[in-house]
Amino acid sequence: MEEIKKNPATESEYLLEVKNLYKWFPIKSSFFKMTVGNVKAVDGVSFKIKRGETMGLVGESGCGKSTCGRTILRLLEKTKGEVIFDGQDISELSKEELRKMRPRMQIVFQDPYSSLSPRLPVGEIIGEAVREHEIVPPEEYDEYITRVMEVCGLPEYAKERYPHEFSGGQRQRICIARALALSPDFIVCDEPVSALDVSIQAQIINLLKQLQKDFGLTYLFISHDLSVVEHISDTVGVMYLGSMVEYAETEKIFANPLNPYTKALFSAIPIPDPDAKINRIILKGSIPSPANPPKGCKFHTRCDHCMEVCKYAQPEWLEVEEGHFCACHLYNTPEAQQRAEAAMAEAKAGETGPVQEQEVL
């Protein structure tokens, strides 16, 4: 089988680069099936992940985290933007080229109960794609599956059993083994521990960290459990309503969150000390619809620091300190503030223009 060759001379320190990624889902009218709007699930997201590192992606439910992960892997086709994996734009690959690339990019789904076929034994679930992509010669297949299962903490006798015979934690190990069997470089972990008990969560997180150490894996770890993200991630990106609002190294962002939304999100982290006083930031209102997001800064409808410019001008993605990026008008440079005020003036003129004409008439 012809494989995609890696060229060490051209290797970047970043395995994955996402540039201005959009994924919009069209809203169709019920009768004529015309597109009457779009659900802006992923709305201009950019970030990079270094080889062998983990990026945590956090945010409220429905903010577009899982859609972002699936669009990166081309399980969903992007609306626009670039996804550069190991120097290649994934969206430019043909079906055959993408098929050859597939083993290097895998996903562990959120629900271990629904992501495994109930009709196949565990050995076949893990080995199905191994056989399809000819990862190992046929005579080594059985031994290879056993080895993968052992690495993921599964006994050999589990090969002949079916998913319904296992607990949630063991099923998630099967999902991890299925991904690992293809010798991937990059794995999207889509809330892999959210359906598990706390004690089992720790086992799965430790397994993922050990596999990363042993095999040099790169993870995009999607979660809304901030304590888990802090433990496993090297960098963290915060999403709100389809857009990235903050991105930095884990230590920086947890020690000094900049965006008001990030501050509110992090203030909700429980502290295991009954005497500790926590300054909770309670967000007002509910998250707006991604089909009709607010103008300007999407968070301005719930933000205590909302200024006039926030209602009209979208904040720019700026590097506030080295390696710490934030989209918020509170941290505008003089040039960015000037551009924001110009955008606000233009938006206001657009609002008042037609009204003035009517008055003249």
Protein backbone atom coordinates (compact mmCIF):
# COMPACT_ATOMS: atom_id res chain seq x y z
CA MET A 1 0.00 0.00 0.00
CA GLU A 2 1.28 3.44 -0.94
CA GLU A 3 1.56 5.68 2.12
CA ILE A 4 1.83 9.42 2.51
CA LYS A 5 5.51 10.09 3.21
CA LYS A 6 6.64 12.56 5.84
CA ASN A 7 9.40 14.91 4.85
CA PRO A 8 11.45 15.89 7.95
CA ALA A 9 13.01 18.83 6.09
CA THR A 10 9.63 20.49 5.59
CA GLU A 11 8.07 19.47 8.91
CA SER A 12 6.64 22.39 10.86
CA GLU A 13 6.60 22.38 14.67
CA TYR A 14 2.81 22.61 14.29
CA LEU A 15 1.03 19.43 13.22
CA LEU A 16 -2.33 21.19 12.79
CA GLU A 17 -3.07 24.78 11.76
CA VAL A 18 -6.69 25.96 11.53
CA LYS A 19 -7.10 29.29 9.74
CA ASN A 20 -10.37 31.23 9.73
CA LEU A 21 -12.55 28.10 9.68
CA TYR A 22 -16.30 28.45 9.03
CA LYS A 23 -19.01 25.80 9.13
CA TRP A 24 -22.53 27.11 8.50
CA PHE A 25 -25.61 24.89 8.24
CA PRO A 26 -28.30 26.27 5.89
CA ILE A 27 -31.83 26.78 7.23
CA LYS A 28 -34.40 25.74 4.61
CA SER A 29 -37.92 27.13 4.36
CA SER A 30 -40.54 24.44 4.89
CA PHE A 31 -42.37 24.82 1.57
CA PHE A 32 -40.03 25.93 -1.23
CA LYS A 33 -36.85 24.55 0.45
CA MET A 34 -35.07 27.83 -0.12
CA THR A 35 -32.18 28.84 2.15
CA VAL A 36 -33.58 31.50 4.48
CA GLY A 37 -30.61 31.71 6.87
CA ASN A 38 -27.65 29.88 8.35
CA VAL A 39 -26.77 28.33 11.69
CA LYS A 40 -23.26 29.69 12.22
CA ALA A 41 -21.91 26.72 14.18
CA VAL A 42 -18.24 27.55 13.55
CA ASP A 43 -17.66 31.18 12.68
CA GLY A 44 -14.06 32.13 11.87
CA VAL A 45 -12.00 29.94 14.24
CA SER A 46 -8.16 29.96 14.13
CA PHE A 47 -5.57 28.07 16.22
CA LYS A 48 -2.45 25.87 16.01
CA ILE A 49 -1.43 22.66 17.79
CA LYS A 50 2.22 21.65 18.18
CA ARG A 51 3.32 18.06 17.55
CA GLY A 52 2.94 15.84 20.60
CA GLU A 53 0.88 18.40 22.53
CA THR A 54 -2.76 18.66 23.63
CA MET A 55 -5.04 21.61 22.98
CA GLY A 56 -8.16 21.87 25.13
CA LEU A 57 -11.25 23.38 23.49
CA VAL A 58 -13.83 24.61 25.99
CA GLY A 59 -17.12 26.52 26.05
CA GLU A 60 -20.81 26.19 26.83
CA SER A 61 -22.90 23.39 25.31
CA GLY A 62 -23.89 24.33 21.76
CA CYS A 63 -20.98 26.73 21.16
CA GLY A 64 -19.62 24.69 18.21
CA LYS A 65 -16.78 22.67 19.81
CA SER A 66 -17.76 19.25 18.43
CA THR A 67 -18.68 20.70 15.02
CA CYS A 68 -15.24 22.31 14.89
CA GLY A 69 -13.54 18.98 15.62
CA ARG A 70 -15.56 17.11 13.01
CA THR A 71 -15.01 19.80 10.38
CA ILE A 72 -11.24 19.61 10.96
CA LEU A 73 -11.37 15.86 10.21
CA ARG A 74 -13.62 16.42 7.17
CA LEU A 75 -16.41 14.37 8.72
CA LEU A 76 -18.30 17.58 7.91
CA GLU A 77 -17.33 19.68 4.90
CA LYS A 78 -16.22 23.22 5.79
CA THR A 79 -18.01 26.34 4.49
CA LYS A 80 -14.68 28.15 4.09
CA GLY A 81 -11.27 28.46 5.72
CA GLU A 82 -8.15 26.30 5.83
CA VAL A 83 -7.18 23.20 7.80
CA ILE A 84 -3.47 22.50 7.35
CA PHE A 85 -2.51 19.04 8.61
CA ASP A 86 1.22 18.26 8.46
CA GLY A 87 1.72 20.89 5.75
CA GLN A 88 -1.24 19.82 3.58
CA ASP A 89 -4.60 21.56 3.22
CA ILE A 90 -7.04 18.74 3.96
CA SER A 91 -9.88 20.36 2.00
CA GLU A 92 -7.79 20.25 -1.20
CA LEU A 93 -7.27 16.47 -1.04
CA SER A 94 -9.14 14.19 -3.43
CA LYS A 95 -11.19 11.27 -2.08
CA GLU A 96 -8.32 8.84 -2.71
CA GLU A 97 -5.72 11.13 -1.10
CA LEU A 98 -8.02 11.71 1.90
CA ARG A 99 -8.51 7.95 2.26
CA LYS A 100 -4.72 7.50 2.52
CA MET A 101 -4.56 10.32 5.07
CA ARG A 102 -7.46 8.99 7.19
CA PRO A 103 -5.44 6.59 9.43
CA ARG A 104 -3.34 9.53 10.63
CA MET A 105 -6.41 11.48 11.90
CA GLN A 106 -8.81 9.73 14.25
CA ILE A 107 -11.63 10.63 16.66
CA VAL A 108 -12.86 9.28 20.00
CA PHE A 109 -16.56 10.07 20.29
CA GLN A 110 -18.39 11.34 23.35
CA ASP A 111 -20.80 8.46 23.91
CA PRO A 112 -19.17 5.02 24.17
CA TYR A 113 -22.63 3.43 24.16
CA SER A 114 -23.76 4.62 20.72
CA SER A 115 -20.39 4.83 18.91
CA LEU A 116 -19.78 1.06 18.90
CA SER A 117 -21.67 -1.34 16.63
CA PRO A 118 -23.69 -3.78 18.76
CA ARG A 119 -23.48 -6.42 15.99
CA LEU A 120 -19.67 -6.78 15.91
CA PRO A 121 -17.38 -8.41 18.48
CA VAL A 122 -14.74 -6.12 20.01
CA GLY A 123 -11.86 -7.65 18.06
CA GLU A 124 -13.65 -6.88 14.79
CA ILE A 125 -14.58 -3.33 15.89
CA ILE A 126 -10.92 -2.54 16.62
CA GLY A 127 -9.55 -4.39 13.59
CA GLU A 128 -12.07 -3.50 10.88
CA ALA A 129 -10.23 -0.35 9.74
CA VAL A 130 -6.81 -2.00 10.28
CA ARG A 131 -7.75 -4.60 7.67
CA GLU A 132 -9.30 -2.00 5.37
CA HIS A 133 -6.21 0.24 5.37
CA GLU A 134 -3.75 -2.70 5.39
CA ILE A 135 -1.91 -1.38 8.44
CA VAL A 136 -0.23 -4.77 9.04
CA PRO A 137 0.18 -7.94 6.91
CA PRO A 138 -2.69 -10.48 7.27
CA GLU A 139 -0.53 -13.02 9.15
CA GLU A 140 0.30 -10.41 11.85
CA TYR A 141 -3.25 -9.06 12.16
CA ASP A 142 -4.43 -11.12 15.14
CA GLU A 143 -1.30 -10.51 17.21
CA TYR A 144 -1.42 -6.77 16.38
CA ILE A 145 -5.02 -6.40 17.63
CA THR A 146 -4.09 -8.21 20.86
CA ARG A 147 -1.14 -5.84 21.36
CA VAL A 148 -3.32 -2.75 20.82
CA MET A 149 -5.90 -4.04 23.27
CA GLU A 150 -3.25 -4.71 25.92
CA VAL A 151 -1.86 -1.18 25.55
CA CYS A 152 -5.38 0.19 26.17
CA GLY A 153 -5.95 -2.00 29.25
CA LEU A 154 -8.26 -4.57 27.60
CA PRO A 155 -7.83 -8.33 28.16
CA GLU A 156 -7.33 -10.60 25.14
CA TYR A 157 -10.53 -12.58 25.83
CA ALA A 158 -12.53 -9.35 25.15
CA LYS A 159 -11.96 -9.92 21.41
CA GLU A 160 -14.83 -12.40 21.17
CA ARG A 161 -17.26 -10.42 23.31
CA TYR A 162 -19.76 -7.75 22.28
CA PRO A 163 -19.96 -4.07 23.44
CA HIS A 164 -23.08 -4.63 25.58
CA GLU A 165 -21.03 -6.94 27.85
CA PHE A 166 -18.76 -4.06 28.94
CA SER A 167 -19.06 -1.09 31.29
CA GLY A 168 -18.88 2.53 30.07
CA GLY A 169 -15.20 2.89 30.96
CA GLN A 170 -14.26 -0.34 29.16
CA ARG A 171 -16.28 0.71 26.11
CA GLN A 172 -14.37 3.98 25.99
CA ARG A 173 -11.13 1.98 26.11
CA ILE A 174 -12.43 0.03 23.08
CA CYS A 175 -13.08 3.36 21.29
CA ILE A 176 -9.54 4.52 22.11
CA ALA A 177 -8.10 1.17 20.95
CA ARG A 178 -10.05 1.47 17.67
CA ALA A 179 -8.47 4.90 17.05
CA LEU A 180 -4.98 3.84 18.19
CA ALA A 181 -4.95 0.70 15.99
CA LEU A 182 -4.46 2.86 12.90
CA SER A 183 -1.20 4.39 14.25
CA PRO A 184 -2.56 7.97 14.09
CA ASP A 185 -0.61 11.19 14.60
CA PHE A 186 -3.65 13.24 15.63
CA ILE A 187 -6.77 12.32 17.64
CA VAL A 188 -9.83 14.48 18.28
CA CYS A 189 -11.11 13.54 21.75
CA ASP A 190 -14.72 14.73 21.68
CA GLU A 191 -15.70 14.89 25.37
CA PRO A 192 -14.36 11.34 25.90
CA VAL A 193 -15.01 11.26 29.66
CA SER A 194 -18.26 13.23 30.05
CA ALA A 195 -20.44 10.07 30.09
CA LEU A 196 -18.27 8.29 32.70
CA ASP A 197 -18.08 8.19 36.50
CA VAL A 198 -15.47 10.47 38.08
CA SER A 199 -13.20 7.58 39.17
CA ILE A 200 -13.31 6.10 35.65
CA GLN A 201 -12.67 9.55 34.14
CA ALA A 202 -9.29 9.68 35.89
CA GLN A 203 -8.34 6.24 34.48
CA ILE A 204 -9.22 7.27 30.91
CA ILE A 205 -7.39 10.61 31.21
CA ASN A 206 -4.28 8.83 32.55
CA LEU A 207 -4.52 6.32 29.69
CA LEU A 208 -4.68 9.12 27.11
CA LYS A 209 -1.65 10.85 28.68
CA GLN A 210 0.33 7.58 28.74
CA LEU A 211 -0.50 6.84 25.08
CA GLN A 212 0.56 10.38 24.15
CA LYS A 213 3.88 9.86 25.92
CA ASP A 214 4.47 6.42 24.36
CA PHE A 215 3.37 7.15 20.79
CA GLY A 216 3.90 10.92 20.40
CA LEU A 217 0.20 11.60 19.78
CA THR A 218 -1.28 15.07 19.28
CA TYR A 219 -4.75 15.70 20.77
CA LEU A 220 -7.56 18.18 20.31
CA PHE A 221 -9.37 17.63 23.62
CA ILE A 222 -12.95 18.95 23.51
CA SER A 223 -14.62 19.28 26.90
CA HIS A 224 -16.64 21.50 29.19
CA ASP A 225 -15.02 20.04 32.30
CA LEU A 226 -12.43 22.73 32.99
CA SER A 227 -10.64 20.77 35.72
CA VAL A 228 -9.96 17.93 33.27
CA VAL A 229 -8.83 20.40 30.59
CA GLU A 230 -6.41 22.07 33.01
CA HIS A 231 -4.93 18.66 33.88
CA ILE A 232 -4.43 17.32 30.35
CA SER A 233 -3.91 20.36 28.07
CA ASP A 234 -0.80 22.30 27.03
CA THR A 235 -2.85 25.09 25.44
CA VAL A 236 -6.51 26.09 25.80
CA GLY A 237 -8.95 27.74 23.39
CA VAL A 238 -12.26 29.17 24.60
CA MET A 239 -15.25 29.25 22.22
CA TYR A 240 -18.44 31.25 22.48
CA LEU A 241 -21.28 31.01 19.95
CA GLY A 242 -19.07 29.61 17.17
CA SER A 243 -16.14 32.02 17.63
CA MET A 244 -12.85 31.72 19.49
CA VAL A 245 -12.66 34.40 22.20
CA GLU A 246 -9.36 33.50 23.89
CA TYR A 247 -6.35 31.22 23.35
CA ALA A 248 -3.17 30.74 25.40
CA GLU A 249 -0.97 28.24 27.19
CA THR A 250 -2.88 26.47 29.98
CA GLU A 251 -0.95 28.08 32.84
CA LYS A 252 -1.37 31.58 31.38
CA ILE A 253 -5.08 31.35 30.69
CA PHE A 254 -5.97 29.81 34.06
CA ALA A 255 -3.76 32.26 35.98
CA ASN A 256 -4.88 35.33 34.04
CA PRO A 257 -8.07 34.96 31.95
CA LEU A 258 -8.64 38.13 29.91
CA ASN A 259 -11.98 37.85 28.14
CA PRO A 260 -15.05 38.52 30.38
CA TYR A 261 -16.61 35.28 29.11
CA THR A 262 -13.51 33.26 30.03
CA LYS A 263 -13.52 34.85 33.50
CA ALA A 264 -17.18 33.87 34.00
CA LEU A 265 -16.53 30.34 32.73
CA PHE A 266 -13.51 29.81 34.99
CA SER A 267 -15.32 31.24 38.03
CA ALA A 268 -17.68 28.25 37.80
CA ILE A 269 -14.88 25.72 38.47
CA PRO A 270 -15.74 24.02 41.81
CA ILE A 271 -13.08 24.22 44.53
CA PRO A 272 -12.92 21.25 46.94
CA ASP A 273 -12.73 23.45 50.02
CA PRO A 274 -15.96 24.29 51.90
CA ASP A 275 -14.37 27.37 53.52
CA ALA A 276 -13.05 28.87 50.26
CA LYS A 277 -14.87 31.97 49.08
CA ILE A 278 -15.40 31.99 45.35
CA ASN A 279 -16.28 35.11 43.43
CA ARG A 280 -18.85 33.59 41.05
CA ILE A 281 -19.63 35.61 37.93
CA ILE A 282 -23.28 34.95 37.06
CA LEU A 283 -23.99 35.54 33.38
CA LYS A 284 -27.27 37.29 32.65
CA GLY A 285 -29.65 35.96 30.03
CA SER A 286 -29.19 32.84 27.93
CA ILE A 287 -26.88 32.08 25.03
CA PRO A 288 -28.24 33.71 21.82
CA SER A 289 -29.20 31.65 18.78
CA PRO A 290 -26.30 30.78 16.44
CA ALA A 291 -28.78 31.29 13.58
CA ASN A 292 -29.15 34.95 14.56
CA PRO A 293 -26.10 36.02 16.63
CA PRO A 294 -25.91 39.58 18.03
CA LYS A 295 -24.14 42.26 15.99
CA GLY A 296 -20.70 43.39 17.06
CA CYS A 297 -19.26 41.29 19.88
CA LYS A 298 -21.43 38.19 20.23
CA PHE A 299 -21.03 38.25 24.01
CA HIS A 300 -22.11 41.89 24.53
CA THR A 301 -25.72 40.92 25.42
CA ARG A 302 -24.47 39.10 28.55
CA CYS A 303 -21.32 41.08 29.40
CA ASP A 304 -20.97 43.39 32.43
CA HIS A 305 -18.17 45.31 30.66
CA CYS A 306 -20.25 46.07 27.54
CA MET A 307 -19.36 49.41 25.88
CA GLU A 308 -21.10 51.20 23.02
CA VAL A 309 -18.50 49.95 20.52
CA CYS A 310 -19.20 46.32 21.55
CA LYS A 311 -22.74 46.56 20.15
CA TYR A 312 -21.61 47.47 16.64
CA ALA A 313 -18.00 46.38 15.95
CA GLN A 314 -16.69 42.83 16.08
CA PRO A 315 -13.52 42.68 18.23
CA GLU A 316 -10.24 41.79 16.49
CA TRP A 317 -8.15 38.71 17.34
CA LEU A 318 -5.15 40.34 19.06
CA GLU A 319 -2.05 39.05 20.85
CA VAL A 320 -2.43 40.84 24.20
CA GLU A 321 0.76 39.31 25.62
CA GLU A 322 3.20 36.82 24.14
CA GLY A 323 1.27 33.71 23.12
CA HIS A 324 -1.96 34.99 24.73
CA PHE A 325 -4.64 35.90 22.17
CA CYS A 326 -7.99 37.49 22.94
CA ALA A 327 -10.93 38.98 21.02
CA CYS A 328 -12.25 41.77 23.23
CA HIS A 329 -12.51 45.56 22.86
CA LEU A 330 -11.11 45.97 26.40
CA TYR A 331 -7.65 45.10 25.01
CA ASN A 332 -7.74 47.04 21.74
CA THR A 333 -4.52 48.69 20.54
CA PRO A 334 -4.95 52.35 19.45
CA GLU A 335 -5.07 51.20 15.81
CA ALA A 336 -7.64 48.48 16.55
CA GLN A 337 -9.74 50.96 18.56
CA GLN A 338 -9.68 53.36 15.63
CA ARG A 339 -10.88 50.63 13.25
CA ALA A 340 -13.59 49.57 15.73
CA GLU A 341 -14.87 53.14 16.09
CA ALA A 342 -14.93 53.52 12.30
CA ALA A 343 -16.92 50.27 12.00
CA MET A 344 -19.30 51.51 14.73
CA ALA A 345 -19.82 54.82 12.93
CA GLU A 346 -20.51 53.00 9.66
CA ALA A 347 -22.99 50.63 11.34
CA LYS A 348 -24.81 53.52 13.01
CA ALA A 349 -24.97 55.43 9.72
CA GLY A 350 -26.49 52.34 8.09
CA GLU A 351 -29.14 52.18 10.81
CA THR A 352 -30.12 55.86 10.71
CA GLY A 353 -29.81 56.41 6.95
CA PRO A 354 -33.19 55.09 5.74
CA VAL A 355 -35.07 56.75 8.63
CA GLN A 356 -33.69 60.19 7.75
CA GLU A 357 -34.70 59.75 4.10
CA GLN A 358 -38.30 59.02 5.13
CA GLU A 359 -38.38 62.14 7.26
CA VAL A 360 -37.13 64.26 4.33
CA LEU A 361 -39.74 62.77 2.03
